């Protein structure tokens, strides 16, 4: 078990390394950008893969907010 702990890390620890939330890690796994295995309803990622991705990964925030233009109705 000690060898497994050194090679695989949980998604929460991977999220801290990459500056993301755990859900962001799950999205990277689903997209195929990060390998991962689901064990007992938790994602585990190879430490080497996270460290390799951390060298080039730049986290992006979601979609930019678009300011809505509210107009008054019925006035012409």
PDB file of N, CA and C in Angstrom:
ATOM      1  N   UNK A   1       0.820  -1.193   0.000  1.00  0.00           N
ATOM      2  CA  UNK A   1       0.000   0.000   0.000  1.00  0.00           C
ATOM      3  C   UNK A   1       0.864   1.258   0.000  1.00  0.00           C
ATOM      4  N   UNK A   2       2.043   1.200   0.614  1.00  0.00           N
ATOM      5  CA  UNK A   2       2.905   2.381   0.672  1.00  0.00           C
ATOM      6  C   UNK A   2       3.389   2.767  -0.720  1.00  0.00           C
ATOM      7  N   UNK A   3       3.659   1.793  -1.582  1.00  0.00           N
ATOM      8  CA  UNK A   3       4.087   2.080  -2.947  1.00  0.00           C
ATOM      9  C   UNK A   3       2.989   2.740  -3.753  1.00  0.00           C
ATOM     10  N   UNK A   4       1.757   2.302  -3.521  1.00  0.00           N
ATOM     11  CA  UNK A   4       0.619   2.892  -4.217  1.00  0.00           C
ATOM     12  C   UNK A   4       0.422   4.342  -3.798  1.00  0.00           C
ATOM     13  N   UNK A   5       0.655   4.629  -2.548  1.00  0.00           N
ATOM     14  CA  UNK A   5       0.475   5.995  -2.039  1.00  0.00           C
ATOM     15  C   UNK A   5       1.476   6.956  -2.684  1.00  0.00           C
ATOM     16  N   UNK A   6       2.673   6.484  -2.981  1.00  0.00           N
ATOM     17  CA  UNK A   6       3.682   7.345  -3.581  1.00  0.00           C
ATOM     18  C   UNK A   6       3.458   7.552  -5.075  1.00  0.00           C
ATOM     19  N   UNK A   7       2.789   6.615  -5.735  1.00  0.00           N
ATOM     20  CA  UNK A   7       2.619   6.737  -7.170  1.00  0.00           C
ATOM     21  C   UNK A   7       1.289   7.358  -7.562  1.00  0.00           C
ATOM     22  N   UNK A   8       0.245   7.167  -6.771  1.00  0.00           N
ATOM     23  CA  UNK A   8      -1.073   7.723  -7.064  1.00  0.00           C
ATOM     24  C   UNK A   8      -1.477   8.704  -5.970  1.00  0.00           C
ATOM     25  N   UNK A   9      -2.125   9.791  -6.376  1.00  0.00           N
ATOM     26  CA  UNK A   9      -2.607  10.772  -5.400  1.00  0.00           C
ATOM     27  C   UNK A   9      -4.103  10.982  -5.637  1.00  0.00           C
ATOM     28  N   UNK A  10      -4.849  11.343  -4.596  1.00  0.00           N
ATOM     29  CA  UNK A  10      -6.286  11.591  -4.780  1.00  0.00           C
ATOM     30  C   UNK A  10      -6.520  12.882  -5.566  1.00  0.00           C
ATOM     31  N   UNK A  11      -7.720  13.017  -6.091  1.00  0.00           N
ATOM     32  CA  UNK A  11      -8.038  14.178  -6.916  1.00  0.00           C
ATOM     33  C   UNK A  11      -7.952  15.488  -6.130  1.00  0.00           C
ATOM     34  N   UNK A  12      -8.201  15.446  -4.829  1.00  0.00           N
ATOM     35  CA  UNK A  12      -8.119  16.676  -4.038  1.00  0.00           C
ATOM     36  C   UNK A  12      -6.685  17.196  -3.975  1.00  0.00           C
ATOM     37  N   UNK A  13      -5.728  16.294  -3.828  1.00  0.00           N
ATOM     38  CA  UNK A  13      -4.323  16.706  -3.791  1.00  0.00           C
ATOM     39  C   UNK A  13      -3.859  17.180  -5.173  1.00  0.00           C
ATOM     40  N   UNK A  14      -4.326  16.496  -6.219  1.00  0.00           N
ATOM     41  CA  UNK A  14      -3.986  16.916  -7.581  1.00  0.00           C
ATOM     42  C   UNK A  14      -4.564  18.296  -7.866  1.00  0.00           C
ATOM     43  N   UNK A  15      -5.747  18.573  -7.346  1.00  0.00           N
ATOM     44  CA  UNK A  15      -6.379  19.877  -7.537  1.00  0.00           C
ATOM     45  C   UNK A  15      -5.554  20.977  -6.869  1.00  0.00           C
ATOM     46  N   UNK A  16      -5.023  20.710  -5.702  1.00  0.00           N
ATOM     47  CA  UNK A  16      -4.183  21.699  -5.017  1.00  0.00           C
ATOM     48  C   UNK A  16      -2.918  21.979  -5.811  1.00  0.00           C
ATOM     49  N   UNK A  17      -2.318  20.940  -6.381  1.00  0.00           N
ATOM     50  CA  UNK A  17      -1.086  21.113  -7.149  1.00  0.00           C
ATOM     51  C   UNK A  17      -1.332  21.959  -8.391  1.00  0.00           C
ATOM     52  N   UNK A  18      -2.465  21.718  -9.074  1.00  0.00           N
ATOM     53  CA  UNK A  18      -2.762  22.425 -10.313  1.00  0.00           C
ATOM     54  C   UNK A  18      -3.519  23.729 -10.109  1.00  0.00           C
ATOM     55  N   UNK A  19      -3.962  23.996  -8.888  1.00  0.00           N
ATOM     56  CA  UNK A  19      -4.698  25.225  -8.618  1.00  0.00           C
ATOM     57  C   UNK A  19      -6.132  25.163  -9.103  1.00  0.00           C
ATOM     58  N   UNK A  20      -6.731  23.988  -9.024  1.00  0.00           N
ATOM     59  CA  UNK A  20      -8.109  23.782  -9.453  1.00  0.00           C
ATOM     60  C   UNK A  20      -8.948  23.276  -8.289  1.00  0.00           C
ATOM     61  N   UNK A  21     -10.223  23.074  -8.577  1.00  0.00           N
ATOM     62  CA  UNK A  21     -11.094  22.385  -7.637  1.00  0.00           C
ATOM     63  C   UNK A  21     -11.156  20.924  -8.053  1.00  0.00           C
ATOM     64  N   UNK A  22     -11.550  20.028  -7.159  1.00  0.00           N
ATOM     65  CA  UNK A  22     -11.594  18.607  -7.518  1.00  0.00           C
ATOM     66  C   UNK A  22     -12.460  18.314  -8.745  1.00  0.00           C
ATOM     67  N   UNK A  23     -13.530  19.070  -8.945  1.00  0.00           N
ATOM     68  CA  UNK A  23     -14.368  18.846 -10.116  1.00  0.00           C
ATOM     69  C   UNK A  23     -13.600  19.173 -11.399  1.00  0.00           C
ATOM     70  N   UNK A  24     -12.716  20.148 -11.341  1.00  0.00           N
ATOM     71  CA  UNK A  24     -11.890  20.485 -12.493  1.00  0.00           C
ATOM     72  C   UNK A  24     -10.962  19.338 -12.873  1.00  0.00           C
ATOM     73  N   UNK A  25     -10.473  18.618 -11.882  1.00  0.00           N
ATOM     74  CA  UNK A  25      -9.634  17.446 -12.132  1.00  0.00           C
ATOM     75  C   UNK A  25     -10.455  16.370 -12.838  1.00  0.00           C
ATOM     76  N   UNK A  26     -11.688  16.179 -12.385  1.00  0.00           N
ATOM     77  CA  UNK A  26     -12.553  15.188 -13.019  1.00  0.00           C
ATOM     78  C   UNK A  26     -12.811  15.550 -14.480  1.00  0.00           C
ATOM     79  N   UNK A  27     -12.958  16.824 -14.780  1.00  0.00           N
ATOM     80  CA  UNK A  27     -13.162  17.254 -16.159  1.00  0.00           C
ATOM     81  C   UNK A  27     -11.927  16.964 -17.006  1.00  0.00           C
ATOM     82  N   UNK A  28     -10.733  17.187 -16.448  1.00  0.00           N
ATOM     83  CA  UNK A  28      -9.500  16.878 -17.176  1.00  0.00           C
ATOM     84  C   UNK A  28      -9.387  15.383 -17.458  1.00  0.00           C
ATOM     85  N   UNK A  29      -9.817  14.566 -16.512  1.00  0.00           N
ATOM     86  CA  UNK A  29      -9.770  13.114 -16.698  1.00  0.00           C
ATOM     87  C   UNK A  29     -10.744  12.706 -17.804  1.00  0.00           C
ATOM     88  N   UNK A  30     -11.964  13.267 -17.774  1.00  0.00           N
ATOM     89  CA  UNK A  30     -12.950  12.925 -18.797  1.00  0.00           C
ATOM     90  C   UNK A  30     -12.512  13.364 -20.185  1.00  0.00           C
ATOM     91  N   UNK A  31     -11.817  14.496 -20.280  1.00  0.00           N
ATOM     92  CA  UNK A  31     -11.329  14.982 -21.574  1.00  0.00           C
ATOM     93  C   UNK A  31     -10.135  14.187 -22.086  1.00  0.00           C
ATOM     94  N   UNK A  32      -9.504  13.417 -21.208  1.00  0.00           N
ATOM     95  CA  UNK A  32      -8.346  12.628 -21.608  1.00  0.00           C
ATOM     96  C   UNK A  32      -7.035  13.370 -21.444  1.00  0.00           C
ATOM     97  N   UNK A  33      -7.048  14.535 -20.814  1.00  0.00           N
ATOM     98  CA  UNK A  33      -5.822  15.295 -20.596  1.00  0.00           C
ATOM     99  C   UNK A  33      -5.030  14.781 -19.411  1.00  0.00           C
ATOM    100  N   UNK A  34      -5.664  13.994 -18.569  1.00  0.00           N
ATOM    101  CA  UNK A  34      -5.029  13.488 -17.362  1.00  0.00           C
ATOM    102  C   UNK A  34      -5.503  12.053 -17.142  1.00  0.00           C
ATOM    103  N   UNK A  35      -4.596  11.103 -16.956  1.00  0.00           N
ATOM    104  CA  UNK A  35      -5.036   9.727 -16.699  1.00  0.00           C
ATOM    105  C   UNK A  35      -5.514   9.594 -15.251  1.00  0.00           C
ATOM    106  N   UNK A  36      -6.493   8.760 -15.032  1.00  0.00           N
ATOM    107  CA  UNK A  36      -6.990   8.572 -13.683  1.00  0.00           C
ATOM    108  C   UNK A  36      -7.758   7.272 -13.563  1.00  0.00           C
ATOM    109  N   UNK A  37      -7.859   6.791 -12.340  1.00  0.00           N
ATOM    110  CA  UNK A  37      -8.607   5.575 -12.059  1.00  0.00           C
ATOM    111  C   UNK A  37      -9.567   5.848 -10.921  1.00  0.00           C
ATOM    112  N   UNK A  38     -10.776   5.353 -11.065  1.00  0.00           N
ATOM    113  CA  UNK A  38     -11.776   5.531 -10.027  1.00  0.00           C
ATOM    114  C   UNK A  38     -11.798   4.289  -9.155  1.00  0.00           C
ATOM    115  N   UNK A  39     -11.495   4.474  -7.887  1.00  0.00           N
ATOM    116  CA  UNK A  39     -11.460   3.382  -6.926  1.00  0.00           C
ATOM    117  C   UNK A  39     -12.332   3.786  -5.744  1.00  0.00           C
ATOM    118  N   UNK A  40     -13.346   2.989  -5.471  1.00  0.00           N
ATOM    119  CA  UNK A  40     -14.254   3.232  -4.344  1.00  0.00           C
ATOM    120  C   UNK A  40     -14.842   4.635  -4.407  1.00  0.00           C
ATOM    121  N   UNK A  41     -15.296   5.037  -5.597  1.00  0.00           N
ATOM    122  CA  UNK A  41     -15.954   6.318  -5.821  1.00  0.00           C
ATOM    123  C   UNK A  41     -15.038   7.516  -5.607  1.00  0.00           C
ATOM    124  N   UNK A  42     -13.727   7.328  -5.715  1.00  0.00           N
ATOM    125  CA  UNK A  42     -12.753   8.416  -5.622  1.00  0.00           C
ATOM    126  C   UNK A  42     -11.795   8.303  -6.788  1.00  0.00           C
ATOM    127  N   UNK A  43     -11.370   9.443  -7.319  1.00  0.00           N
ATOM    128  CA  UNK A  43     -10.424   9.459  -8.424  1.00  0.00           C
ATOM    129  C   UNK A  43      -9.002   9.497  -7.899  1.00  0.00           C
ATOM    130  N   UNK A  44      -8.149   8.654  -8.472  1.00  0.00           N
ATOM    131  CA  UNK A  44      -6.728   8.640  -8.157  1.00  0.00           C
ATOM    132  C   UNK A  44      -5.954   8.853  -9.441  1.00  0.00           C
ATOM    133  N   UNK A  45      -4.959   9.724  -9.379  1.00  0.00           N
ATOM    134  CA  UNK A  45      -4.199  10.124 -10.549  1.00  0.00           C
ATOM    135  C   UNK A  45      -2.727   9.825 -10.294  1.00  0.00           C
ATOM    136  N   UNK A  46      -1.994   9.348 -11.307  1.00  0.00           N
ATOM    137  CA  UNK A  46      -0.555   9.131 -11.125  1.00  0.00           C
ATOM    138  C   UNK A  46       0.157  10.454 -10.818  1.00  0.00           C
ATOM    139  N   UNK A  47       0.967  10.441  -9.772  1.00  0.00           N
ATOM    140  CA  UNK A  47       1.675  11.656  -9.340  1.00  0.00           C
ATOM    141  C   UNK A  47       2.545  12.224 -10.462  1.00  0.00           C
ATOM    142  N   UNK A  48       3.216  11.352 -11.203  1.00  0.00           N
ATOM    143  CA  UNK A  48       4.096  11.812 -12.279  1.00  0.00           C
ATOM    144  C   UNK A  48       3.307  12.554 -13.359  1.00  0.00           C
ATOM    145  N   UNK A  49       2.093  12.094 -13.655  1.00  0.00           N
ATOM    146  CA  UNK A  49       1.266  12.746 -14.676  1.00  0.00           C
ATOM    147  C   UNK A  49       0.834  14.140 -14.218  1.00  0.00           C
ATOM    148  N   UNK A  50       0.507  14.272 -12.939  1.00  0.00           N
ATOM    149  CA  UNK A  50       0.098  15.578 -12.404  1.00  0.00           C
ATOM    150  C   UNK A  50       1.280  16.540 -12.426  1.00  0.00           C
ATOM    151  N   UNK A  51       2.442  16.065 -12.019  1.00  0.00           N
ATOM    152  CA  UNK A  51       3.623  16.931 -12.009  1.00  0.00           C
ATOM    153  C   UNK A  51       4.021  17.346 -13.424  1.00  0.00           C
ATOM    154  N   UNK A  52       3.857  16.452 -14.390  1.00  0.00           N
ATOM    155  CA  UNK A  52       4.166  16.773 -15.787  1.00  0.00           C
ATOM    156  C   UNK A  52       3.184  17.808 -16.332  1.00  0.00           C
ATOM    157  N   UNK A  53       1.895  17.649 -16.025  1.00  0.00           N
ATOM    158  CA  UNK A  53       0.884  18.600 -16.483  1.00  0.00           C
ATOM    159  C   UNK A  53       1.058  19.954 -15.813  1.00  0.00           C
ATOM    160  N   UNK A  54       1.504  19.957 -14.558  1.00  0.00           N
ATOM    161  CA  UNK A  54       1.670  21.207 -13.817  1.00  0.00           C
ATOM    162  C   UNK A  54       2.731  22.110 -14.439  1.00  0.00           C
ATOM    163  N   UNK A  55       3.671  21.536 -15.184  1.00  0.00           N
ATOM    164  CA  UNK A  55       4.719  22.348 -15.814  1.00  0.00           C
ATOM    165  C   UNK A  55       4.169  23.268 -16.887  1.00  0.00           C
ATOM    166  N   UNK A  56       3.112  22.837 -17.581  1.00  0.00           N
ATOM    167  CA  UNK A  56       2.598  23.610 -18.707  1.00  0.00           C
ATOM    168  C   UNK A  56       1.159  24.079 -18.533  1.00  0.00           C
ATOM    169  N   UNK A  57       0.443  23.575 -17.540  1.00  0.00           N
ATOM    170  CA  UNK A  57      -0.985  23.869 -17.406  1.00  0.00           C
ATOM    171  C   UNK A  57      -1.217  25.260 -16.832  1.00  0.00           C
ATOM    172  N   UNK A  58      -2.106  26.008 -17.489  1.00  0.00           N
ATOM    173  CA  UNK A  58      -2.519  27.323 -17.004  1.00  0.00           C
ATOM    174  C   UNK A  58      -4.023  27.246 -16.776  1.00  0.00           C
ATOM    175  N   UNK A  59      -4.475  27.297 -15.520  1.00  0.00           N
ATOM    176  CA  UNK A  59      -5.918  27.186 -15.278  1.00  0.00           C
ATOM    177  C   UNK A  59      -6.658  28.408 -15.809  1.00  0.00           C
ATOM    178  N   UNK A  60      -7.805  28.163 -16.406  1.00  0.00           N
ATOM    179  CA  UNK A  60      -8.643  29.235 -16.923  1.00  0.00           C
ATOM    180  C   UNK A  60      -9.932  29.250 -16.134  1.00  0.00           C
ATOM    181  N   UNK A  61     -10.420  30.428 -15.873  1.00  0.00           N
ATOM    182  CA  UNK A  61     -11.710  30.534 -15.222  1.00  0.00           C
ATOM    183  C   UNK A  61     -12.774  30.279 -16.268  1.00  0.00           C
ATOM    184  N   UNK A  62     -13.980  29.991 -15.848  1.00  0.00           N
ATOM    185  CA  UNK A  62     -15.069  29.645 -16.753  1.00  0.00           C
ATOM    186  C   UNK A  62     -15.336  30.699 -17.814  1.00  0.00           C
ATOM    187  N   UNK A  63     -16.499  30.670 -18.350  1.00  0.00           N
ATOM    188  CA  UNK A  63     -16.870  31.627 -19.383  1.00  0.00           C
ATOM    189  C   UNK A  63     -16.960  33.025 -18.797  1.00  0.00           C
ATOM    190  N   UNK A  64     -16.508  34.035 -19.533  1.00  0.00           N
ATOM    191  CA  UNK A  64     -16.633  35.389 -19.015  1.00  0.00           C
ATOM    192  C   UNK A  64     -18.102  35.802 -18.963  1.00  0.00           C
ATOM    193  N   UNK A  65     -18.437  36.566 -17.965  1.00  0.00           N
ATOM    194  CA  UNK A  65     -19.819  37.019 -17.831  1.00  0.00           C
ATOM    195  C   UNK A  65     -20.112  38.056 -18.890  1.00  0.00           C
ATOM    196  N   UNK A  66     -21.281  37.970 -19.451  1.00  0.00           N
ATOM    197  CA  UNK A  66     -21.724  38.931 -20.448  1.00  0.00           C
ATOM    198  C   UNK A  66     -22.742  39.836 -19.785  1.00  0.00           C
ATOM    199  N   UNK A  67     -22.476  41.110 -19.844  1.00  0.00           N
ATOM    200  CA  UNK A  67     -23.392  42.060 -19.225  1.00  0.00           C
ATOM    201  C   UNK A  67     -24.648  42.143 -20.076  1.00  0.00           C
ATOM    202  N   UNK A  68     -25.780  41.949 -19.440  1.00  0.00           N
ATOM    203  CA  UNK A  68     -27.046  42.000 -20.159  1.00  0.00           C
ATOM    204  C   UNK A  68     -27.483  43.437 -20.348  1.00  0.00           C
ATOM    205  N   UNK A  69     -28.095  43.662 -21.467  1.00  0.00           N
ATOM    206  CA  UNK A  69     -28.638  44.987 -21.745  1.00  0.00           C
ATOM    207  C   UNK A  69     -30.122  44.951 -21.467  1.00  0.00           C
ATOM    208  N   UNK A  70     -30.514  45.602 -20.410  1.00  0.00           N
ATOM    209  CA  UNK A  70     -31.932  45.642 -20.065  1.00  0.00           C
ATOM    210  C   UNK A  70     -32.555  46.871 -20.706  1.00  0.00           C
ATOM    211  N   UNK A  71     -33.658  46.662 -21.336  1.00  0.00           N
ATOM    212  CA  UNK A  71     -34.384  47.776 -21.935  1.00  0.00           C
ATOM    213  C   UNK A  71     -35.786  47.827 -21.365  1.00  0.00           C
ATOM    214  N   UNK A  72     -36.345  48.995 -21.379  1.00  0.00           N
ATOM    215  CA  UNK A  72     -37.715  49.128 -20.887  1.00  0.00           C
ATOM    216  C   UNK A  72     -38.667  48.711 -22.000  1.00  0.00           C
ATOM    217  N   UNK A  73     -39.622  47.947 -21.633  1.00  0.00           N
ATOM    218  CA  UNK A  73     -40.573  47.472 -22.609  1.00  0.00           C
ATOM    219  C   UNK A  73     -41.756  48.424 -22.711  1.00  0.00           C
ATOM    220  N   UNK A  74     -42.290  48.527 -23.900  1.00  0.00           N
ATOM    221  CA  UNK A  74     -43.513  49.291 -24.076  1.00  0.00           C
ATOM    222  C   UNK A  74     -43.299  50.788 -24.277  1.00  0.00           C
ATOM    223  N   UNK A  75     -42.064  51.231 -24.264  1.00  0.00           N
ATOM    224  CA  UNK A  75     -41.811  52.661 -24.481  1.00  0.00           C
ATOM    225  C   UNK A  75     -41.194  52.848 -25.845  1.00  0.00           C
ATOM    226  N   UNK A  76     -41.806  53.684 -26.644  1.00  0.00           N
ATOM    227  CA  UNK A  76     -41.269  53.958 -27.968  1.00  0.00           C
ATOM    228  C   UNK A  76     -41.160  55.433 -28.209  1.00  0.00           C
TER     229      UNK A  76
END
